[in-house]
Amino acid sequence: MTNANAYAIEVQGRSAGIVVADRGAFTFFVSDWAFRDLDRRVFRNVGQAERAAQLHYKRLPNHRR
């Protein structure tokens, strides 16, 4: 059995990106350019990255959702 080191992040059915484990942290790589402000940001854990993506989505103007 192996541990996963990459996780997909989805918000409201949109693929925001993936977070990849590296040296005890997780780096966010966007797959939807609407989440570009999160690109390559480093988070302590997957949950923190997911919450950041959800908060970012809530702040998007309606025409970008």
PDB file of N, CA and C in Angstrom:
ATOM      1  N   MET A   1       0.844  -1.170   0.000  1.00  0.00           N
ATOM      2  CA  MET A   1       0.000   0.000   0.000  1.00  0.00           C
ATOM      3  C   MET A   1       0.894   1.239   0.000  1.00  0.00           C
ATOM      4  N   THR A   2       0.525   2.240  -0.811  1.00  0.00           N
ATOM      5  CA  THR A   2       1.303   3.475  -0.865  1.00  0.00           C
ATOM      6  C   THR A   2       0.450   4.658  -0.441  1.00  0.00           C
ATOM      7  N   ASN A   3       1.098   5.689   0.015  1.00  0.00           N
ATOM      8  CA  ASN A   3       0.395   6.922   0.379  1.00  0.00           C
ATOM      9  C   ASN A   3       0.296   7.813  -0.846  1.00  0.00           C
ATOM     10  N   ALA A   4      -0.856   8.448  -1.034  1.00  0.00           N
ATOM     11  CA  ALA A   4      -1.029   9.380  -2.148  1.00  0.00           C
ATOM     12  C   ALA A   4      -0.226  10.636  -1.865  1.00  0.00           C
ATOM     13  N   ASN A   5       0.307  11.223  -2.921  1.00  0.00           N
ATOM     14  CA  ASN A   5       1.040  12.469  -2.726  1.00  0.00           C
ATOM     15  C   ASN A   5       0.482  13.592  -3.590  1.00  0.00           C
ATOM     16  N   ALA A   6      -0.660  13.363  -4.233  1.00  0.00           N
ATOM     17  CA  ALA A   6      -1.335  14.400  -5.012  1.00  0.00           C
ATOM     18  C   ALA A   6      -2.846  14.237  -4.830  1.00  0.00           C
ATOM     19  N   TYR A   7      -3.531  15.366  -4.700  1.00  0.00           N
ATOM     20  CA  TYR A   7      -4.964  15.351  -4.465  1.00  0.00           C
ATOM     21  C   TYR A   7      -5.645  16.372  -5.361  1.00  0.00           C
ATOM     22  N   ALA A   8      -6.767  15.981  -5.950  1.00  0.00           N
ATOM     23  CA  ALA A   8      -7.553  16.903  -6.770  1.00  0.00           C
ATOM     24  C   ALA A   8      -8.420  17.755  -5.851  1.00  0.00           C
ATOM     25  N   ILE A   9      -8.529  19.027  -6.199  1.00  0.00           N
ATOM     26  CA  ILE A   9      -9.374  19.961  -5.455  1.00  0.00           C
ATOM     27  C   ILE A   9     -10.490  20.419  -6.386  1.00  0.00           C
ATOM     28  N   GLU A  10     -11.734  20.171  -5.965  1.00  0.00           N
ATOM     29  CA  GLU A  10     -12.902  20.616  -6.728  1.00  0.00           C
ATOM     30  C   GLU A  10     -13.735  21.558  -5.883  1.00  0.00           C
ATOM     31  N   VAL A  11     -14.270  22.577  -6.539  1.00  0.00           N
ATOM     32  CA  VAL A  11     -15.140  23.539  -5.871  1.00  0.00           C
ATOM     33  C   VAL A  11     -16.377  23.737  -6.743  1.00  0.00           C
ATOM     34  N   GLN A  12     -17.544  23.454  -6.200  1.00  0.00           N
ATOM     35  CA  GLN A  12     -18.808  23.605  -6.926  1.00  0.00           C
ATOM     36  C   GLN A  12     -18.758  22.894  -8.285  1.00  0.00           C
ATOM     37  N   GLY A  13     -18.186  21.707  -8.324  1.00  0.00           N
ATOM     38  CA  GLY A  13     -18.129  20.922  -9.548  1.00  0.00           C
ATOM     39  C   GLY A  13     -17.042  21.341 -10.526  1.00  0.00           C
ATOM     40  N   ARG A  14     -16.233  22.329 -10.148  1.00  0.00           N
ATOM     41  CA  ARG A  14     -15.139  22.783 -11.021  1.00  0.00           C
ATOM     42  C   ARG A  14     -13.820  22.244 -10.499  1.00  0.00           C
ATOM     43  N   SER A  15     -13.000  21.796 -11.401  1.00  0.00           N
ATOM     44  CA  SER A  15     -11.671  21.328 -11.031  1.00  0.00           C
ATOM     45  C   SER A  15     -10.763  22.530 -10.835  1.00  0.00           C
ATOM     46  N   ALA A  16     -10.522  22.886  -9.576  1.00  0.00           N
ATOM     47  CA  ALA A  16      -9.688  24.046  -9.266  1.00  0.00           C
ATOM     48  C   ALA A  16      -8.223  23.741  -9.532  1.00  0.00           C
ATOM     49  N   GLY A  17      -7.799  22.530  -9.195  1.00  0.00           N
ATOM     50  CA  GLY A  17      -6.404  22.147  -9.415  1.00  0.00           C
ATOM     51  C   GLY A  17      -6.047  20.924  -8.605  1.00  0.00           C
ATOM     52  N   ILE A  18      -4.757  20.721  -8.444  1.00  0.00           N
ATOM     53  CA  ILE A  18      -4.266  19.623  -7.619  1.00  0.00           C
ATOM     54  C   ILE A  18      -3.272  20.192  -6.615  1.00  0.00           C
ATOM     55  N   VAL A  19      -3.155  19.512  -5.493  1.00  0.00           N
ATOM     56  CA  VAL A  19      -2.109  19.831  -4.534  1.00  0.00           C
ATOM     57  C   VAL A  19      -1.177  18.633  -4.475  1.00  0.00           C
ATOM     58  N   VAL A  20       0.110  18.926  -4.452  1.00  0.00           N
ATOM     59  CA  VAL A  20       1.130  17.885  -4.489  1.00  0.00           C
ATOM     60  C   VAL A  20       1.987  17.988  -3.237  1.00  0.00           C
ATOM     61  N   ALA A  21       2.153  16.866  -2.561  1.00  0.00           N
ATOM     62  CA  ALA A  21       2.975  16.825  -1.349  1.00  0.00           C
ATOM     63  C   ALA A  21       4.442  16.967  -1.712  1.00  0.00           C
ATOM     64  N   ASP A  22       5.135  17.789  -0.924  1.00  0.00           N
ATOM     65  CA  ASP A  22       6.570  17.974  -1.121  1.00  0.00           C
ATOM     66  C   ASP A  22       7.183  18.522   0.153  1.00  0.00           C
ATOM     67  N   ARG A  23       8.026  17.745   0.780  1.00  0.00           N
ATOM     68  CA  ARG A  23       8.770  18.173   1.962  1.00  0.00           C
ATOM     69  C   ARG A  23       7.880  18.646   3.103  1.00  0.00           C
ATOM     70  N   GLY A  24       6.835  17.900   3.356  1.00  0.00           N
ATOM     71  CA  GLY A  24       5.967  18.196   4.480  1.00  0.00           C
ATOM     72  C   GLY A  24       4.935  19.286   4.244  1.00  0.00           C
ATOM     73  N   ALA A  25       4.807  19.757   3.012  1.00  0.00           N
ATOM     74  CA  ALA A  25       3.820  20.777   2.669  1.00  0.00           C
ATOM     75  C   ALA A  25       3.139  20.365   1.369  1.00  0.00           C
ATOM     76  N   PHE A  26       2.163  21.152   0.921  1.00  0.00           N
ATOM     77  CA  PHE A  26       1.416  20.850  -0.293  1.00  0.00           C
ATOM     78  C   PHE A  26       1.397  22.079  -1.196  1.00  0.00           C
ATOM     79  N   THR A  27       1.829  21.894  -2.428  1.00  0.00           N
ATOM     80  CA  THR A  27       1.842  22.978  -3.406  1.00  0.00           C
ATOM     81  C   THR A  27       0.636  22.842  -4.310  1.00  0.00           C
ATOM     82  N   PHE A  28      -0.065  23.964  -4.535  1.00  0.00           N
ATOM     83  CA  PHE A  28      -1.282  24.012  -5.345  1.00  0.00           C
ATOM     84  C   PHE A  28      -0.912  24.350  -6.786  1.00  0.00           C
ATOM     85  N   PHE A  29      -1.370  23.539  -7.726  1.00  0.00           N
ATOM     86  CA  PHE A  29      -1.199  23.790  -9.154  1.00  0.00           C
ATOM     87  C   PHE A  29      -2.593  23.893  -9.761  1.00  0.00           C
ATOM     88  N   VAL A  30      -2.936  25.058 -10.303  1.00  0.00           N
ATOM     89  CA  VAL A  30      -4.302  25.268 -10.793  1.00  0.00           C
ATOM     90  C   VAL A  30      -4.542  24.543 -12.108  1.00  0.00           C
ATOM     91  N   SER A  31      -5.791  24.127 -12.297  1.00  0.00           N
ATOM     92  CA  SER A  31      -6.215  23.560 -13.578  1.00  0.00           C
ATOM     93  C   SER A  31      -7.282  24.438 -14.214  1.00  0.00           C
ATOM     94  N   ASP A  32      -7.847  25.352 -13.439  1.00  0.00           N
ATOM     95  CA  ASP A  32      -8.842  26.302 -13.917  1.00  0.00           C
ATOM     96  C   ASP A  32      -8.274  27.691 -13.633  1.00  0.00           C
ATOM     97  N   TRP A  33      -8.079  28.459 -14.680  1.00  0.00           N
ATOM     98  CA  TRP A  33      -7.389  29.739 -14.543  1.00  0.00           C
ATOM     99  C   TRP A  33      -8.141  30.716 -13.631  1.00  0.00           C
ATOM    100  N   ALA A  34      -9.410  30.487 -13.352  1.00  0.00           N
ATOM    101  CA  ALA A  34     -10.152  31.329 -12.411  1.00  0.00           C
ATOM    102  C   ALA A  34      -9.527  31.260 -11.014  1.00  0.00           C
ATOM    103  N   PHE A  35      -8.766  30.207 -10.745  1.00  0.00           N
ATOM    104  CA  PHE A  35      -8.114  30.013  -9.451  1.00  0.00           C
ATOM    105  C   PHE A  35      -6.632  30.400  -9.493  1.00  0.00           C
ATOM    106  N   ARG A  36      -6.238  31.154 -10.480  1.00  0.00           N
ATOM    107  CA  ARG A  36      -4.819  31.460 -10.719  1.00  0.00           C
ATOM    108  C   ARG A  36      -4.112  32.106  -9.534  1.00  0.00           C
ATOM    109  N   ASP A  37      -4.838  32.799  -8.676  1.00  0.00           N
ATOM    110  CA  ASP A  37      -4.207  33.418  -7.507  1.00  0.00           C
ATOM    111  C   ASP A  37      -3.652  32.380  -6.536  1.00  0.00           C
ATOM    112  N   LEU A  38      -4.106  31.150  -6.657  1.00  0.00           N
ATOM    113  CA  LEU A  38      -3.635  30.080  -5.780  1.00  0.00           C
ATOM    114  C   LEU A  38      -2.477  29.293  -6.383  1.00  0.00           C
ATOM    115  N   ASP A  39      -2.163  29.551  -7.647  1.00  0.00           N
ATOM    116  CA  ASP A  39      -1.140  28.764  -8.340  1.00  0.00           C
ATOM    117  C   ASP A  39       0.206  28.829  -7.622  1.00  0.00           C
ATOM    118  N   ARG A  40       0.714  27.664  -7.305  1.00  0.00           N
ATOM    119  CA  ARG A  40       2.013  27.458  -6.653  1.00  0.00           C
ATOM    120  C   ARG A  40       2.088  27.958  -5.213  1.00  0.00           C
ATOM    121  N   ARG A  41       0.929  28.260  -4.636  1.00  0.00           N
ATOM    122  CA  ARG A  41       0.919  28.577  -3.202  1.00  0.00           C
ATOM    123  C   ARG A  41       1.140  27.304  -2.419  1.00  0.00           C
ATOM    124  N   VAL A  42       1.783  27.435  -1.288  1.00  0.00           N
ATOM    125  CA  VAL A  42       2.117  26.283  -0.451  1.00  0.00           C
ATOM    126  C   VAL A  42       1.219  26.293   0.782  1.00  0.00           C
ATOM    127  N   PHE A  43       0.665  25.115   1.099  1.00  0.00           N
ATOM    128  CA  PHE A  43      -0.233  24.953   2.237  1.00  0.00           C
ATOM    129  C   PHE A  43       0.310  23.873   3.165  1.00  0.00           C
ATOM    130  N   ARG A  44      -0.085  23.949   4.430  1.00  0.00           N
ATOM    131  CA  ARG A  44       0.364  22.955   5.405  1.00  0.00           C
ATOM    132  C   ARG A  44      -0.259  21.594   5.178  1.00  0.00           C
ATOM    133  N   ASN A  45      -1.516  21.586   4.694  1.00  0.00           N
ATOM    134  CA  ASN A  45      -2.211  20.319   4.479  1.00  0.00           C
ATOM    135  C   ASN A  45      -3.260  20.488   3.380  1.00  0.00           C
ATOM    136  N   VAL A  46      -3.850  19.391   2.971  1.00  0.00           N
ATOM    137  CA  VAL A  46      -4.831  19.385   1.882  1.00  0.00           C
ATOM    138  C   VAL A  46      -6.083  20.168   2.276  1.00  0.00           C
ATOM    139  N   GLY A  47      -6.523  20.032   3.503  1.00  0.00           N
ATOM    140  CA  GLY A  47      -7.708  20.739   3.964  1.00  0.00           C
ATOM    141  C   GLY A  47      -7.553  22.242   3.880  1.00  0.00           C
ATOM    142  N   GLN A  48      -6.388  22.732   4.218  1.00  0.00           N
ATOM    143  CA  GLN A  48      -6.129  24.170   4.139  1.00  0.00           C
ATOM    144  C   GLN A  48      -6.196  24.635   2.685  1.00  0.00           C
ATOM    145  N   ALA A  49      -5.655  23.861   1.768  1.00  0.00           N
ATOM    146  CA  ALA A  49      -5.699  24.204   0.341  1.00  0.00           C
ATOM    147  C   ALA A  49      -7.134  24.188  -0.173  1.00  0.00           C
ATOM    148  N   GLU A  50      -7.908  23.215   0.258  1.00  0.00           N
ATOM    149  CA  GLU A  50      -9.294  23.120  -0.172  1.00  0.00           C
ATOM    150  C   GLU A  50     -10.111  24.310   0.335  1.00  0.00           C
ATOM    151  N   ARG A  51      -9.908  24.687   1.587  1.00  0.00           N
ATOM    152  CA  ARG A  51     -10.616  25.847   2.140  1.00  0.00           C
ATOM    153  C   ARG A  51     -10.228  27.128   1.404  1.00  0.00           C
ATOM    154  N   ALA A  52      -8.968  27.272   1.051  1.00  0.00           N
ATOM    155  CA  ALA A  52      -8.518  28.450   0.307  1.00  0.00           C
ATOM    156  C   ALA A  52      -9.192  28.508  -1.058  1.00  0.00           C
ATOM    157  N   ALA A  53      -9.337  27.372  -1.722  1.00  0.00           N
ATOM    158  CA  ALA A  53      -9.996  27.327  -3.031  1.00  0.00           C
ATOM    159  C   ALA A  53     -11.475  27.680  -2.901  1.00  0.00           C
ATOM    160  N   GLN A  54     -12.135  27.180  -1.866  1.00  0.00           N
ATOM    161  CA  GLN A  54     -13.550  27.492  -1.655  1.00  0.00           C
ATOM    162  C   GLN A  54     -13.741  28.978  -1.369  1.00  0.00           C
ATOM    163  N   LEU A  55     -12.901  29.552  -0.541  1.00  0.00           N
ATOM    164  CA  LEU A  55     -12.991  30.971  -0.229  1.00  0.00           C
ATOM    165  C   LEU A  55     -12.717  31.811  -1.471  1.00  0.00           C
ATOM    166  N   HIS A  56     -11.734  31.414  -2.246  1.00  0.00           N
ATOM    167  CA  HIS A  56     -11.416  32.130  -3.480  1.00  0.00           C
ATOM    168  C   HIS A  56     -12.617  32.111  -4.426  1.00  0.00           C
ATOM    169  N   TYR A  57     -13.255  30.957  -4.551  1.00  0.00           N
ATOM    170  CA  TYR A  57     -14.418  30.833  -5.425  1.00  0.00           C
ATOM    171  C   TYR A  57     -15.541  31.773  -4.987  1.00  0.00           C
ATOM    172  N   LYS A  58     -15.789  31.851  -3.694  1.00  0.00           N
ATOM    173  CA  LYS A  58     -16.850  32.717  -3.178  1.00  0.00           C
ATOM    174  C   LYS A  58     -16.581  34.182  -3.497  1.00  0.00           C
ATOM    175  N   ARG A  59     -15.329  34.553  -3.628  1.00  0.00           N
ATOM    176  CA  ARG A  59     -14.948  35.936  -3.900  1.00  0.00           C
ATOM    177  C   ARG A  59     -14.919  36.274  -5.390  1.00  0.00           C
ATOM    178  N   LEU A  60     -15.067  35.265  -6.245  1.00  0.00           N
ATOM    179  CA  LEU A  60     -15.051  35.518  -7.688  1.00  0.00           C
ATOM    180  C   LEU A  60     -16.296  36.296  -8.108  1.00  0.00           C
ATOM    181  N   PRO A  61     -16.136  37.215  -9.044  1.00  0.00           N
ATOM    182  CA  PRO A  61     -17.337  37.871  -9.600  1.00  0.00           C
ATOM    183  C   PRO A  61     -18.215  36.817 -10.274  1.00  0.00           C
ATOM    184  N   ASN A  62     -19.506  37.034 -10.290  1.00  0.00           N
ATOM    185  CA  ASN A  62     -20.440  36.045 -10.850  1.00  0.00           C
ATOM    186  C   ASN A  62     -20.108  35.662 -12.287  1.00  0.00           C
ATOM    187  N   HIS A  63     -19.607  36.568 -13.096  1.00  0.00           N
ATOM    188  CA  HIS A  63     -19.318  36.251 -14.493  1.00  0.00           C
ATOM    189  C   HIS A  63     -18.118  35.325 -14.661  1.00  0.00           C
ATOM    190  N   ARG A  64     -17.325  35.129 -13.609  1.00  0.00           N
ATOM    191  CA  ARG A  64     -16.182  34.219 -13.672  1.00  0.00           C
ATOM    192  C   ARG A  64     -16.492  32.867 -13.058  1.00  0.00           C
ATOM    193  N   ARG A  65     -17.687  32.710 -12.487  1.00  0.00           N
ATOM    194  CA  ARG A  65     -18.043  31.440 -11.841  1.00  0.00           C
ATOM    195  C   ARG A  65     -18.509  30.432 -12.837  1.00  0.00           C
TER     196      ARG A  65
END
